[in-house]
PDB file of N, CA and C in Angstrom:
ATOM      1  N   MET A   1     158.400  51.717  12.272  1.00  0.00           N
ATOM      2  CA  MET A   1     159.028  50.621  12.032  1.00  0.00           C
ATOM      3  C   MET A   1     160.207  50.343  11.643  1.00  0.00           C
ATOM      4  N   THR A   2     161.054  49.991  11.976  1.00  0.00           N
ATOM      5  CA  THR A   2     162.471  49.526  11.490  1.00  0.00           C
ATOM      6  C   THR A   2     162.766  48.350  11.098  1.00  0.00           C
ATOM      7  N   ILE A   3     163.059  48.357   9.460  1.00  0.00           N
ATOM      8  CA  ILE A   3     163.518  47.197   9.063  1.00  0.00           C
ATOM      9  C   ILE A   3     164.706  46.792   9.001  1.00  0.00           C
ATOM     10  N   PRO A   4     165.337  45.684   9.497  1.00  0.00           N
ATOM     11  CA  PRO A   4     166.628  45.376   9.171  1.00  0.00           C
ATOM     12  C   PRO A   4     167.572  45.847   8.241  1.00  0.00           C
ATOM     13  N   VAL A   5     168.782  46.124   7.921  1.00  0.00           N
ATOM     14  CA  VAL A   5     169.377  46.482   6.961  1.00  0.00           C
ATOM     15  C   VAL A   5     169.362  45.029   6.047  1.00  0.00           C
ATOM     16  N   GLU A   6     169.907  44.227   6.768  1.00  0.00           N
ATOM     17  CA  GLU A   6     169.788  42.929   5.942  1.00  0.00           C
ATOM     18  C   GLU A   6     168.641  42.643   5.233  1.00  0.00           C
ATOM     19  N   VAL A   7     167.206  42.919   5.398  1.00  0.00           N
ATOM     20  CA  VAL A   7     166.107  42.325   5.135  1.00  0.00           C
ATOM     21  C   VAL A   7     165.819  43.423   3.889  1.00  0.00           C
ATOM     22  N   ARG A   8     166.171  44.691   4.081  1.00  0.00           N
ATOM     23  CA  ARG A   8     166.208  45.747   3.279  1.00  0.00           C
ATOM     24  C   ARG A   8     167.052  45.382   2.091  1.00  0.00           C
ATOM     25  N   GLU A   9     168.213  45.265   2.325  1.00  0.00           N
ATOM     26  CA  GLU A   9     169.115  44.929   0.962  1.00  0.00           C
ATOM     27  C   GLU A   9     168.505  43.611   0.490  1.00  0.00           C
ATOM     28  N   GLN A  10     168.060  42.609   1.124  1.00  0.00           N
ATOM     29  CA  GLN A  10     167.681  41.264   0.348  1.00  0.00           C
ATOM     30  C   GLN A  10     166.632  41.620  -0.627  1.00  0.00           C
ATOM     31  N   LEU A  11     165.733  42.517   0.029  1.00  0.00           N
ATOM     32  CA  LEU A  11     164.253  42.889  -0.410  1.00  0.00           C
ATOM     33  C   LEU A  11     164.401  43.766  -1.543  1.00  0.00           C
ATOM     34  N   GLY A  12     165.651  44.845  -1.426  1.00  0.00           N
ATOM     35  CA  GLY A  12     165.906  46.012  -2.267  1.00  0.00           C
ATOM     36  C   GLY A  12     164.957  47.269  -1.973  1.00  0.00           C
ATOM     37  N   ILE A  13     164.676  47.110  -0.620  1.00  0.00           N
ATOM     38  CA  ILE A  13     163.980  48.139   0.177  1.00  0.00           C
ATOM     39  C   ILE A  13     164.719  49.581   0.081  1.00  0.00           C
ATOM     40  N   ARG A  14     164.447  50.449  -0.319  1.00  0.00           N
ATOM     41  CA  ARG A  14     164.820  51.935  -0.206  1.00  0.00           C
ATOM     42  C   ARG A  14     163.856  53.028   0.301  1.00  0.00           C
ATOM     43  N   ALA A  15     164.462  53.973   0.486  1.00  0.00           N
ATOM     44  CA  ALA A  15     163.837  55.381   0.960  1.00  0.00           C
ATOM     45  C   ALA A  15     162.792  55.445  -0.193  1.00  0.00           C
ATOM     46  N   GLY A  16     161.357  55.708   0.128  1.00  0.00           N
ATOM     47  CA  GLY A  16     160.224  55.621  -1.026  1.00  0.00           C
ATOM     48  C   GLY A  16     159.851  54.521  -1.652  1.00  0.00           C
ATOM     49  N   SER A  17     160.235  53.149  -0.856  1.00  0.00           N
ATOM     50  CA  SER A  17     159.755  52.337  -1.377  1.00  0.00           C
ATOM     51  C   SER A  17     158.639  51.954  -0.655  1.00  0.00           C
ATOM     52  N   ARG A  18     157.435  51.501  -1.759  1.00  0.00           N
ATOM     53  CA  ARG A  18     156.380  51.240  -1.038  1.00  0.00           C
ATOM     54  C   ARG A  18     156.002  49.728  -0.661  1.00  0.00           C
ATOM     55  N   ILE A  19     155.481  49.645   0.264  1.00  0.00           N
ATOM     56  CA  ILE A  19     155.527  48.408   0.901  1.00  0.00           C
ATOM     57  C   ILE A  19     154.267  47.888   1.446  1.00  0.00           C
ATOM     58  N   ALA A  20     153.659  46.492   1.047  1.00  0.00           N
ATOM     59  CA  ALA A  20     152.003  46.131   1.454  1.00  0.00           C
ATOM     60  C   ALA A  20     152.431  44.938   2.215  1.00  0.00           C
ATOM     61  N   PHE A  21     151.467  45.037   3.295  1.00  0.00           N
ATOM     62  CA  PHE A  21     151.222  44.184   4.717  1.00  0.00           C
ATOM     63  C   PHE A  21     149.986  43.311   4.490  1.00  0.00           C
ATOM     64  N   ARG A  22     150.216  42.215   4.654  1.00  0.00           N
ATOM     65  CA  ARG A  22     149.147  41.147   4.611  1.00  0.00           C
ATOM     66  C   ARG A  22     149.442  40.625   6.266  1.00  0.00           C
ATOM     67  N   VAL A  23     148.091  40.571   6.830  1.00  0.00           N
ATOM     68  CA  VAL A  23     148.169  39.995   8.112  1.00  0.00           C
ATOM     69  C   VAL A  23     147.223  38.672   8.036  1.00  0.00           C
ATOM     70  N   THR A  24     147.891  37.400   8.298  1.00  0.00           N
ATOM     71  CA  THR A  24     147.181  36.189   8.339  1.00  0.00           C
ATOM     72  C   THR A  24     147.224  35.679   9.986  1.00  0.00           C
ATOM     73  N   GLY A  25     146.403  35.338  10.569  1.00  0.00           N
ATOM     74  CA  GLY A  25     146.416  34.955  11.885  1.00  0.00           C
ATOM     75  C   GLY A  25     146.840  36.042  12.781  1.00  0.00           C
ATOM     76  N   ALA A  26     148.134  35.494  13.160  1.00  0.00           N
ATOM     77  CA  ALA A  26     149.037  36.186  14.258  1.00  0.00           C
ATOM     78  C   ALA A  26     150.125  36.476  13.415  1.00  0.00           C
ATOM     79  N   THR A  27     150.207  36.382  12.356  1.00  0.00           N
ATOM     80  CA  THR A  27     151.350  36.529  11.289  1.00  0.00           C
ATOM     81  C   THR A  27     151.332  37.862  10.308  1.00  0.00           C
ATOM     82  N   ALA A  28     152.104  38.406  10.120  1.00  0.00           N
ATOM     83  CA  ALA A  28     152.348  39.444   9.201  1.00  0.00           C
ATOM     84  C   ALA A  28     153.475  39.304   8.307  1.00  0.00           C
ATOM     85  N   GLU A  29     153.302  39.672   6.697  1.00  0.00           N
ATOM     86  CA  GLU A  29     153.788  39.338   5.871  1.00  0.00           C
ATOM     87  C   GLU A  29     153.728  40.522   5.248  1.00  0.00           C
ATOM     88  N   LEU A  30     155.469  41.283   4.864  1.00  0.00           N
ATOM     89  CA  LEU A  30     155.543  42.558   4.188  1.00  0.00           C
ATOM     90  C   LEU A  30     156.244  41.964   2.621  1.00  0.00           C
ATOM     91  N   SER A  31     155.453  42.543   1.646  1.00  0.00           N
ATOM     92  CA  SER A  31     156.148  42.435   0.153  1.00  0.00           C
ATOM     93  C   SER A  31     156.323  44.199  -0.243  1.00  0.00           C
ATOM     94  N   VAL A  32     157.325  44.252  -0.975  1.00  0.00           N
ATOM     95  CA  VAL A  32     157.469  45.212  -1.719  1.00  0.00           C
ATOM     96  C   VAL A  32     156.685  45.628  -3.010  1.00  0.00           C
ATOM     97  N   VAL A  33     156.196  46.767  -3.156  1.00  0.00           N
ATOM     98  CA  VAL A  33     154.910  46.885  -4.233  1.00  0.00           C
ATOM     99  C   VAL A  33     155.604  47.507  -5.622  1.00  0.00           C
ATOM    100  N   SER A  34     155.547  46.446  -6.626  1.00  0.00           N
ATOM    101  CA  SER A  34     156.125  46.998  -8.007  1.00  0.00           C
ATOM    102  C   SER A  34     156.011  48.251  -8.143  1.00  0.00           C
ATOM    103  N   GLY A  35     156.945  49.199  -9.100  1.00  0.00           N
ATOM    104  CA  GLY A  35     157.098  50.220  -9.318  1.00  0.00           C
ATOM    105  C   GLY A  35     157.153  51.334  -7.980  1.00  0.00           C
ATOM    106  N   ALA A  36     157.909  50.466  -7.046  1.00  0.00           N
ATOM    107  CA  ALA A  36     158.177  51.142  -5.646  1.00  0.00           C
ATOM    108  C   ALA A  36     158.385  52.514  -5.383  1.00  0.00           C
ATOM    109  N   LEU A  37     158.973  53.186  -6.538  1.00  0.00           N
ATOM    110  CA  LEU A  37     159.797  54.213  -6.099  1.00  0.00           C
ATOM    111  C   LEU A  37     158.889  55.460  -6.996  1.00  0.00           C
ATOM    112  N   THR A  38     157.565  55.465  -6.911  1.00  0.00           N
ATOM    113  CA  THR A  38     156.697  56.459  -7.521  1.00  0.00           C
ATOM    114  C   THR A  38     156.551  57.183  -6.569  1.00  0.00           C
ATOM    115  N   ALA A  39     156.875  58.695  -7.667  1.00  0.00           N
ATOM    116  CA  ALA A  39     156.579  60.069  -6.841  1.00  0.00           C
ATOM    117  C   ALA A  39     155.227  60.483  -6.731  1.00  0.00           C
ATOM    118  N   GLU A  40     155.074  61.014  -5.349  1.00  0.00           N
ATOM    119  CA  GLU A  40     153.776  61.578  -5.136  1.00  0.00           C
ATOM    120  C   GLU A  40     153.767  63.082  -5.264  1.00  0.00           C
ATOM    121  N   PRO A  41     152.683  63.532  -5.816  1.00  0.00           N
ATOM    122  CA  PRO A  41     152.499  64.866  -5.866  1.00  0.00           C
ATOM    123  C   PRO A  41     152.927  65.657  -4.362  1.00  0.00           C
ATOM    124  N   VAL A  42     153.088  66.739  -4.443  1.00  0.00           N
ATOM    125  CA  VAL A  42     153.646  67.528  -2.988  1.00  0.00           C
ATOM    126  C   VAL A  42     152.721  68.558  -3.201  1.00  0.00           C
ATOM    127  N   ALA A  43     152.038  68.645  -2.010  1.00  0.00           N
ATOM    128  CA  ALA A  43     150.630  69.490  -1.553  1.00  0.00           C
ATOM    129  C   ALA A  43     151.238  71.059  -1.167  1.00  0.00           C
ATOM    130  N   SER A  44     152.360  70.762  -0.759  1.00  0.00           N
ATOM    131  CA  SER A  44     153.046  72.440  -0.294  1.00  0.00           C
ATOM    132  C   SER A  44     154.751  72.213  -0.621  1.00  0.00           C
ATOM    133  N   GLY A  45     155.395  73.403  -0.830  1.00  0.00           N
ATOM    134  CA  GLY A  45     156.912  73.122  -0.915  1.00  0.00           C
ATOM    135  C   GLY A  45     157.306  73.367   0.319  1.00  0.00           C
ATOM    136  N   PHE A  46     156.327  73.955   1.355  1.00  0.00           N
ATOM    137  CA  PHE A  46     157.033  74.474   2.533  1.00  0.00           C
ATOM    138  C   PHE A  46     158.183  73.627   3.155  1.00  0.00           C
ATOM    139  N   GLY A  47     159.231  74.128   3.865  1.00  0.00           N
ATOM    140  CA  GLY A  47     160.186  73.314   4.541  1.00  0.00           C
ATOM    141  C   GLY A  47     161.336  72.577   3.371  1.00  0.00           C
ATOM    142  N   LEU A  48     160.888  72.857   1.841  1.00  0.00           N
ATOM    143  CA  LEU A  48     161.636  71.933   1.115  1.00  0.00           C
ATOM    144  C   LEU A  48     163.221  72.293   0.870  1.00  0.00           C
ATOM    145  N   VAL A  49     163.250  73.703   0.896  1.00  0.00           N
ATOM    146  CA  VAL A  49     164.409  74.357   0.581  1.00  0.00           C
ATOM    147  C   VAL A  49     164.641  75.194   1.834  1.00  0.00           C
ATOM    148  N   LYS A  50     166.196  74.947   2.108  1.00  0.00           N
ATOM    149  CA  LYS A  50     166.982  75.632   3.275  1.00  0.00           C
ATOM    150  C   LYS A  50     167.187  76.901   3.288  1.00  0.00           C
ATOM    151  N   PRO A  51     166.853  77.890   4.090  1.00  0.00           N
ATOM    152  CA  PRO A  51     167.290  79.208   3.596  1.00  0.00           C
ATOM    153  C   PRO A  51     168.455  79.592   3.485  1.00  0.00           C
ATOM    154  N   ARG A  52     168.834  80.568   2.667  1.00  0.00           N
ATOM    155  CA  ARG A  52     170.063  81.069   2.413  1.00  0.00           C
ATOM    156  C   ARG A  52     170.616  81.708   3.703  1.00  0.00           C
ATOM    157  N   ARG A  53     171.688  81.978   4.403  1.00  0.00           N
ATOM    158  CA  ARG A  53     172.193  82.196   5.533  1.00  0.00           C
ATOM    159  C   ARG A  53     173.164  83.661   4.854  1.00  0.00           C
ATOM    160  N   ASN A  54     172.805  84.600   6.021  1.00  0.00           N
ATOM    161  CA  ASN A  54     173.955  85.537   5.801  1.00  0.00           C
ATOM    162  C   ASN A  54     175.399  85.428   6.301  1.00  0.00           C
ATOM    163  N   ALA A  55     176.366  86.477   5.982  1.00  0.00           N
ATOM    164  CA  ALA A  55     177.561  86.217   6.727  1.00  0.00           C
ATOM    165  C   ALA A  55     177.548  86.271   8.456  1.00  0.00           C
ATOM    166  N   GLY A  56     176.344  86.391   9.073  1.00  0.00           N
ATOM    167  CA  GLY A  56     176.741  86.105  10.495  1.00  0.00           C
ATOM    168  C   GLY A  56     175.873  84.893  10.610  1.00  0.00           C
ATOM    169  N   GLY A  57     175.818  84.151   9.846  1.00  0.00           N
ATOM    170  CA  GLY A  57     175.253  82.709   9.983  1.00  0.00           C
ATOM    171  C   GLY A  57     173.554  82.887  10.264  1.00  0.00           C
ATOM    172  N   LYS A  58     172.613  83.979  10.203  1.00  0.00           N
ATOM    173  CA  LYS A  58     171.493  83.894  10.548  1.00  0.00           C
ATOM    174  C   LYS A  58     170.557  83.832   9.227  1.00  0.00           C
ATOM    175  N   ALA A  59     169.476  83.274   9.274  1.00  0.00           N
ATOM    176  CA  ALA A  59     168.607  83.306   8.217  1.00  0.00           C
ATOM    177  C   ALA A  59     168.208  84.712   7.519  1.00  0.00           C
ATOM    178  N   VAL A  60     168.389  85.110   6.133  1.00  0.00           N
ATOM    179  CA  VAL A  60     167.899  86.113   5.708  1.00  0.00           C
ATOM    180  C   VAL A  60     166.260  85.960   5.349  1.00  0.00           C
ATOM    181  N   PRO A  61     165.384  86.944   6.108  1.00  0.00           N
ATOM    182  CA  PRO A  61     164.038  86.860   6.065  1.00  0.00           C
ATOM    183  C   PRO A  61     163.498  86.941   4.383  1.00  0.00           C
ATOM    184  N   ALA A  62     162.704  86.139   4.351  1.00  0.00           N
ATOM    185  CA  ALA A  62     162.109  85.957   2.743  1.00  0.00           C
ATOM    186  C   ALA A  62     161.565  87.784   2.003  1.00  0.00           C
ATOM    187  N   ASP A  63     161.017  88.153   3.078  1.00  0.00           N
ATOM    188  CA  ASP A  63     160.813  89.496   2.491  1.00  0.00           C
ATOM    189  C   ASP A  63     161.566  90.631   2.748  1.00  0.00           C
ATOM    190  N   PHE A  64     163.366  90.360   2.831  1.00  0.00           N
ATOM    191  CA  PHE A  64     164.145  91.141   2.721  1.00  0.00           C
ATOM    192  C   PHE A  64     164.417  91.889   1.327  1.00  0.00           C
ATOM    193  N   ASP A  65     164.518  93.043   1.374  1.00  0.00           N
ATOM    194  CA  ASP A  65     164.880  93.825  -0.112  1.00  0.00           C
ATOM    195  C   ASP A  65     166.106  94.673  -0.099  1.00  0.00           C
ATOM    196  N   VAL A  66     167.148  93.732  -0.890  1.00  0.00           N
ATOM    197  CA  VAL A  66     168.015  94.518  -1.264  1.00  0.00           C
ATOM    198  C   VAL A  66     168.244  95.693  -1.660  1.00  0.00           C
ATOM    199  N   ALA A  67     167.491  96.063  -2.425  1.00  0.00           N
ATOM    200  CA  ALA A  67     167.213  97.506  -3.044  1.00  0.00           C
ATOM    201  C   ALA A  67     167.026  98.721  -1.634  1.00  0.00           C
ATOM    202  N   SER A  68     166.612  98.460  -0.504  1.00  0.00           N
ATOM    203  CA  SER A  68     166.506  98.724   0.485  1.00  0.00           C
ATOM    204  C   SER A  68     168.090  99.559   1.298  1.00  0.00           C
ATOM    205  N   LEU A  69     168.785  98.416   0.921  1.00  0.00           N
ATOM    206  CA  LEU A  69     170.348  98.867   1.272  1.00  0.00           C
ATOM    207  C   LEU A  69     171.032  99.561   0.431  1.00  0.00           C
ATOM    208  N   LEU A  70     170.481 100.068  -0.888  1.00  0.00           N
ATOM    209  CA  LEU A  70     171.273 100.903  -1.548  1.00  0.00           C
ATOM    210  C   LEU A  70     170.497 102.192  -2.060  1.00  0.00           C
ATOM    211  N   GLY A  71     169.491 102.228  -0.609  1.00  0.00           N
ATOM    212  CA  GLY A  71     168.675 103.631  -0.827  1.00  0.00           C
ATOM    213  C   GLY A  71     167.772 103.809  -1.941  1.00  0.00           C
ATOM    214  N   LYS A  72     167.695 102.994  -2.620  1.00  0.00           N
ATOM    215  CA  LYS A  72     166.521 103.155  -3.826  1.00  0.00           C
ATOM    216  C   LYS A  72     164.933 102.812  -3.645  1.00  0.00           C
TER     217      LYS A  72
END
């Protein structure tokens, strides 16, 4: 769902804000929950960090061993 920018600005809604919805008949009402930017624990860090890129622009494999290039 997209909330128009004017409404987001007026209500102080930002990325991570918690919104509560209430339905009364055929009408829906939204409100910002206090403590809106509470952090949730992350179950997995997968995808949070972008891989380093080598000179050719390709991702360096996670199991790459630099010592193998030095013959050690």
